[in-house]
Amino acid sequence: MKTTLQKRIFDLSQAELKELLQPVAEEVLQKKWAKDGYITYHDDALCEGPNIMIHEYKDRLELVRIDEIGKATLLKLLDNGNERTPPANDYRRA
């Protein structure tokens, strides 16, 4: 039987893929936040349309509307308990 590192990426289970990508994703996230950057994602539970997204900063979450030229307009600050909480589509969730 092949190990996770020997399998093609398309042959990995969801759990194996998460395990493989988690360290890389966390490193990218930390580098982005170290530069006071943010990540953008869509969460069906919070975003009511395709142009509504979440900007996640190290210390806050923002609900934003993205216009046709890519400009973001703040709609609402989301409460994250003053602590980073994983988004609904977080790669760390099981």
N, C-alpha and C. Protein backbone atom coordinates (compact mmCIF):
# COMPACT_ATOMS: atom_id res chain seq x y z
N MET A 1 0.83 -1.19 0.00
CA MET A 1 0.00 0.00 0.00
C MET A 1 0.88 1.25 0.00
N LYS A 2 0.53 2.22 -0.82
CA LYS A 2 1.31 3.44 -0.92
C LYS A 2 1.05 4.34 0.29
N THR A 3 2.07 5.10 0.68
CA THR A 3 1.88 6.09 1.74
C THR A 3 1.36 7.37 1.12
N THR A 4 0.97 8.31 1.97
CA THR A 4 0.43 9.59 1.50
C THR A 4 1.39 10.28 0.53
N LEU A 5 2.69 10.24 0.83
CA LEU A 5 3.66 10.93 -0.02
C LEU A 5 3.88 10.23 -1.35
N GLN A 6 3.54 8.95 -1.45
CA GLN A 6 3.74 8.22 -2.69
C GLN A 6 2.51 8.24 -3.59
N LYS A 7 1.36 8.61 -3.05
CA LYS A 7 0.14 8.64 -3.84
C LYS A 7 0.09 9.90 -4.71
N ARG A 8 -0.60 9.79 -5.83
CA ARG A 8 -0.88 10.98 -6.62
C ARG A 8 -1.84 11.84 -5.81
N ILE A 9 -1.78 13.14 -5.97
CA ILE A 9 -2.64 14.04 -5.19
C ILE A 9 -4.12 13.73 -5.40
N PHE A 10 -4.48 13.27 -6.59
CA PHE A 10 -5.88 12.96 -6.90
C PHE A 10 -6.36 11.69 -6.20
N ASP A 11 -5.42 10.87 -5.74
CA ASP A 11 -5.76 9.62 -5.07
C ASP A 11 -5.82 9.75 -3.54
N LEU A 12 -5.50 10.93 -3.01
CA LEU A 12 -5.52 11.13 -1.57
C LEU A 12 -6.94 11.29 -1.05
N SER A 13 -7.17 10.80 0.15
CA SER A 13 -8.46 11.05 0.80
C SER A 13 -8.49 12.51 1.25
N GLN A 14 -9.67 12.99 1.63
CA GLN A 14 -9.79 14.37 2.10
C GLN A 14 -8.90 14.59 3.33
N ALA A 15 -8.88 13.63 4.24
CA ALA A 15 -8.06 13.76 5.45
C ALA A 15 -6.57 13.78 5.11
N GLU A 16 -6.14 12.94 4.17
CA GLU A 16 -4.73 12.91 3.76
C GLU A 16 -4.33 14.21 3.08
N LEU A 17 -5.21 14.75 2.26
CA LEU A 17 -4.93 16.01 1.58
C LEU A 17 -4.81 17.16 2.57
N LYS A 18 -5.72 17.20 3.54
CA LYS A 18 -5.64 18.25 4.57
C LYS A 18 -4.34 18.15 5.35
N GLU A 19 -3.96 16.94 5.70
CA GLU A 19 -2.71 16.73 6.46
C GLU A 19 -1.51 17.19 5.66
N LEU A 20 -1.52 16.94 4.37
CA LEU A 20 -0.42 17.32 3.51
C LEU A 20 -0.32 18.84 3.31
N LEU A 21 -1.48 19.49 3.14
CA LEU A 21 -1.50 20.92 2.82
C LEU A 21 -1.48 21.84 4.04
N GLN A 22 -1.86 21.34 5.21
CA GLN A 22 -2.00 22.18 6.39
C GLN A 22 -0.73 22.97 6.73
N PRO A 23 0.45 22.36 6.78
CA PRO A 23 1.64 23.15 7.12
C PRO A 23 1.95 24.25 6.10
N VAL A 24 1.73 23.96 4.85
CA VAL A 24 1.99 24.94 3.79
C VAL A 24 1.00 26.09 3.90
N ALA A 25 -0.27 25.78 4.07
CA ALA A 25 -1.29 26.82 4.19
C ALA A 25 -1.05 27.69 5.42
N GLU A 26 -0.68 27.09 6.52
CA GLU A 26 -0.42 27.86 7.74
C GLU A 26 0.77 28.79 7.56
N GLU A 27 1.80 28.32 6.87
CA GLU A 27 2.98 29.16 6.62
C GLU A 27 2.62 30.36 5.74
N VAL A 28 1.84 30.12 4.70
CA VAL A 28 1.40 31.22 3.82
C VAL A 28 0.59 32.23 4.61
N LEU A 29 -0.32 31.74 5.44
CA LEU A 29 -1.16 32.61 6.25
C LEU A 29 -0.32 33.46 7.19
N GLN A 30 0.63 32.87 7.88
CA GLN A 30 1.47 33.61 8.82
C GLN A 30 2.32 34.66 8.10
N LYS A 31 2.84 34.33 6.92
CA LYS A 31 3.63 35.30 6.15
C LYS A 31 2.75 36.48 5.72
N LYS A 32 1.54 36.18 5.29
CA LYS A 32 0.61 37.24 4.86
C LYS A 32 0.31 38.17 6.02
N TRP A 33 -0.01 37.59 7.18
CA TRP A 33 -0.34 38.40 8.35
C TRP A 33 0.87 39.17 8.89
N ALA A 34 2.06 38.62 8.74
CA ALA A 34 3.27 39.32 9.19
C ALA A 34 3.47 40.62 8.42
N LYS A 35 2.92 40.67 7.22
CA LYS A 35 3.00 41.88 6.39
C LYS A 35 1.73 42.71 6.49
N ASP A 36 0.94 42.49 7.55
CA ASP A 36 -0.34 43.17 7.77
C ASP A 36 -1.31 42.97 6.61
N GLY A 37 -1.22 41.81 5.97
CA GLY A 37 -2.10 41.48 4.86
C GLY A 37 -3.34 40.73 5.36
N TYR A 38 -4.12 40.26 4.42
CA TYR A 38 -5.34 39.53 4.73
C TYR A 38 -5.56 38.45 3.69
N ILE A 39 -6.45 37.53 4.01
CA ILE A 39 -6.88 36.54 3.04
C ILE A 39 -8.36 36.79 2.75
N THR A 40 -8.78 36.42 1.59
CA THR A 40 -10.17 36.62 1.17
C THR A 40 -10.78 35.28 0.85
N TYR A 41 -11.99 35.07 1.33
CA TYR A 41 -12.70 33.83 1.02
C TYR A 41 -14.20 34.06 1.11
N HIS A 42 -14.93 33.11 0.55
CA HIS A 42 -16.39 33.14 0.57
C HIS A 42 -16.88 32.07 1.54
N ASP A 43 -17.80 32.44 2.40
CA ASP A 43 -18.40 31.50 3.35
C ASP A 43 -19.91 31.55 3.13
N ASP A 44 -20.49 30.45 2.65
CA ASP A 44 -21.92 30.42 2.34
C ASP A 44 -22.79 30.79 3.53
N ALA A 45 -22.32 30.52 4.74
CA ALA A 45 -23.11 30.82 5.94
C ALA A 45 -23.20 32.32 6.21
N LEU A 46 -22.23 33.09 5.74
CA LEU A 46 -22.18 34.53 6.04
C LEU A 46 -22.34 35.42 4.81
N CYS A 47 -21.98 34.92 3.66
CA CYS A 47 -21.95 35.74 2.44
C CYS A 47 -23.21 35.46 1.62
N GLU A 48 -24.04 36.48 1.47
CA GLU A 48 -25.35 36.31 0.83
C GLU A 48 -25.35 36.40 -0.69
N GLY A 49 -24.22 36.58 -1.28
CA GLY A 49 -24.14 36.65 -2.74
C GLY A 49 -22.73 36.39 -3.20
N PRO A 50 -22.55 36.20 -4.50
CA PRO A 50 -21.22 35.87 -5.02
C PRO A 50 -20.21 37.01 -4.89
N ASN A 51 -20.68 38.24 -4.73
CA ASN A 51 -19.76 39.37 -4.60
C ASN A 51 -19.55 39.78 -3.13
N ILE A 52 -20.09 39.00 -2.20
CA ILE A 52 -19.87 39.25 -0.77
C ILE A 52 -18.82 38.27 -0.29
N MET A 53 -17.77 38.78 0.34
CA MET A 53 -16.64 37.96 0.76
C MET A 53 -16.23 38.33 2.19
N ILE A 54 -15.33 37.54 2.73
CA ILE A 54 -14.75 37.82 4.03
C ILE A 54 -13.28 38.13 3.84
N HIS A 55 -12.84 39.24 4.43
CA HIS A 55 -11.41 39.54 4.52
C HIS A 55 -11.01 39.17 5.94
N GLU A 56 -10.05 38.27 6.06
CA GLU A 56 -9.59 37.84 7.38
C GLU A 56 -8.20 38.39 7.62
N TYR A 57 -8.11 39.26 8.62
CA TYR A 57 -6.85 39.81 9.08
C TYR A 57 -6.43 39.04 10.31
N LYS A 58 -5.22 39.26 10.79
CA LYS A 58 -4.75 38.56 11.97
C LYS A 58 -5.64 38.82 13.18
N ASP A 59 -6.19 40.04 13.26
CA ASP A 59 -6.94 40.43 14.45
C ASP A 59 -8.43 40.69 14.23
N ARG A 60 -8.92 40.51 13.00
CA ARG A 60 -10.34 40.79 12.76
C ARG A 60 -10.82 40.14 11.47
N LEU A 61 -12.15 40.04 11.38
CA LEU A 61 -12.81 39.56 10.18
C LEU A 61 -13.71 40.68 9.67
N GLU A 62 -13.70 40.90 8.37
CA GLU A 62 -14.55 41.92 7.75
C GLU A 62 -15.42 41.28 6.67
N LEU A 63 -16.69 41.63 6.67
CA LEU A 63 -17.59 41.25 5.59
C LEU A 63 -17.53 42.39 4.58
N VAL A 64 -17.18 42.08 3.33
CA VAL A 64 -16.99 43.12 2.32
C VAL A 64 -17.76 42.78 1.04
N ARG A 65 -18.07 43.81 0.28
CA ARG A 65 -18.66 43.65 -1.06
C ARG A 65 -17.55 43.98 -2.05
N ILE A 66 -17.36 43.11 -3.03
CA ILE A 66 -16.36 43.32 -4.07
C ILE A 66 -17.08 43.80 -5.33
N ASP A 67 -16.68 44.97 -5.83
CA ASP A 67 -17.34 45.48 -7.03
C ASP A 67 -16.71 44.89 -8.29
N GLU A 68 -17.20 45.32 -9.44
CA GLU A 68 -16.78 44.74 -10.72
C GLU A 68 -15.31 45.00 -11.07
N ILE A 69 -14.68 45.98 -10.43
CA ILE A 69 -13.25 46.23 -10.69
C ILE A 69 -12.37 45.70 -9.56
N GLY A 70 -12.98 44.98 -8.60
CA GLY A 70 -12.21 44.36 -7.53
C GLY A 70 -12.03 45.19 -6.27
N LYS A 71 -12.69 46.34 -6.22
CA LYS A 71 -12.58 47.19 -5.03
C LYS A 71 -13.51 46.65 -3.94
N ALA A 72 -12.98 46.54 -2.71
CA ALA A 72 -13.75 46.03 -1.59
C ALA A 72 -14.34 47.19 -0.78
N THR A 73 -15.60 47.06 -0.42
CA THR A 73 -16.28 48.02 0.44
C THR A 73 -16.70 47.30 1.71
N LEU A 74 -16.28 47.83 2.86
CA LEU A 74 -16.61 47.23 4.14
C LEU A 74 -18.11 47.30 4.39
N LEU A 75 -18.72 46.15 4.69
CA LEU A 75 -20.13 46.10 5.04
C LEU A 75 -20.31 45.97 6.54
N LYS A 76 -19.43 45.19 7.17
CA LYS A 76 -19.61 44.91 8.59
C LYS A 76 -18.35 44.27 9.17
N LEU A 77 -18.00 44.65 10.40
CA LEU A 77 -16.96 43.94 11.13
C LEU A 77 -17.62 42.73 11.78
N LEU A 78 -17.02 41.58 11.63
CA LEU A 78 -17.56 40.35 12.20
C LEU A 78 -16.86 40.07 13.52
N ASP A 79 -17.62 39.66 14.49
CA ASP A 79 -17.06 39.35 15.81
C ASP A 79 -16.36 38.01 15.74
N ASN A 80 -15.09 37.99 16.10
CA ASN A 80 -14.37 36.73 16.18
C ASN A 80 -13.84 36.51 17.59
N GLY A 81 -14.49 37.11 18.55
CA GLY A 81 -14.12 36.91 19.94
C GLY A 81 -12.73 37.43 20.28
N ASN A 82 -12.26 38.43 19.53
CA ASN A 82 -10.92 38.99 19.72
C ASN A 82 -9.82 37.93 19.59
N GLU A 83 -10.14 36.87 18.93
CA GLU A 83 -9.19 35.79 18.73
C GLU A 83 -9.50 35.17 17.38
N ARG A 84 -8.48 34.79 16.66
CA ARG A 84 -8.72 34.21 15.35
C ARG A 84 -9.51 32.91 15.48
N THR A 85 -10.61 32.84 14.76
CA THR A 85 -11.39 31.61 14.73
C THR A 85 -11.38 31.08 13.30
N PRO A 86 -11.29 29.77 13.12
CA PRO A 86 -11.24 29.23 11.77
C PRO A 86 -12.51 29.52 10.99
N PRO A 87 -12.40 29.94 9.74
CA PRO A 87 -13.59 30.15 8.92
C PRO A 87 -14.28 28.82 8.64
N ALA A 88 -15.49 28.89 8.15
CA ALA A 88 -16.29 27.69 7.89
C ALA A 88 -15.63 26.76 6.89
N ASN A 89 -14.87 27.32 5.96
CA ASN A 89 -14.22 26.47 4.95
C ASN A 89 -12.75 26.27 5.25
N ASP A 90 -12.37 26.36 6.52
CA ASP A 90 -10.98 26.25 6.92
C ASP A 90 -10.43 24.86 6.62
N TYR A 91 -9.23 24.81 6.13
CA TYR A 91 -8.59 23.56 5.78
C TYR A 91 -8.29 22.69 7.00
N ARG A 92 -8.34 23.25 8.20
CA ARG A 92 -8.03 22.50 9.42
C ARG A 92 -9.22 21.75 9.97
N ARG A 93 -10.41 22.08 9.51
CA ARG A 93 -11.59 21.39 10.00
C ARG A 93 -11.67 19.98 9.45
N ALA A 94 -12.24 19.08 10.22
CA ALA A 94 -12.36 17.69 9.78
C ALA A 94 -13.54 17.51 8.86
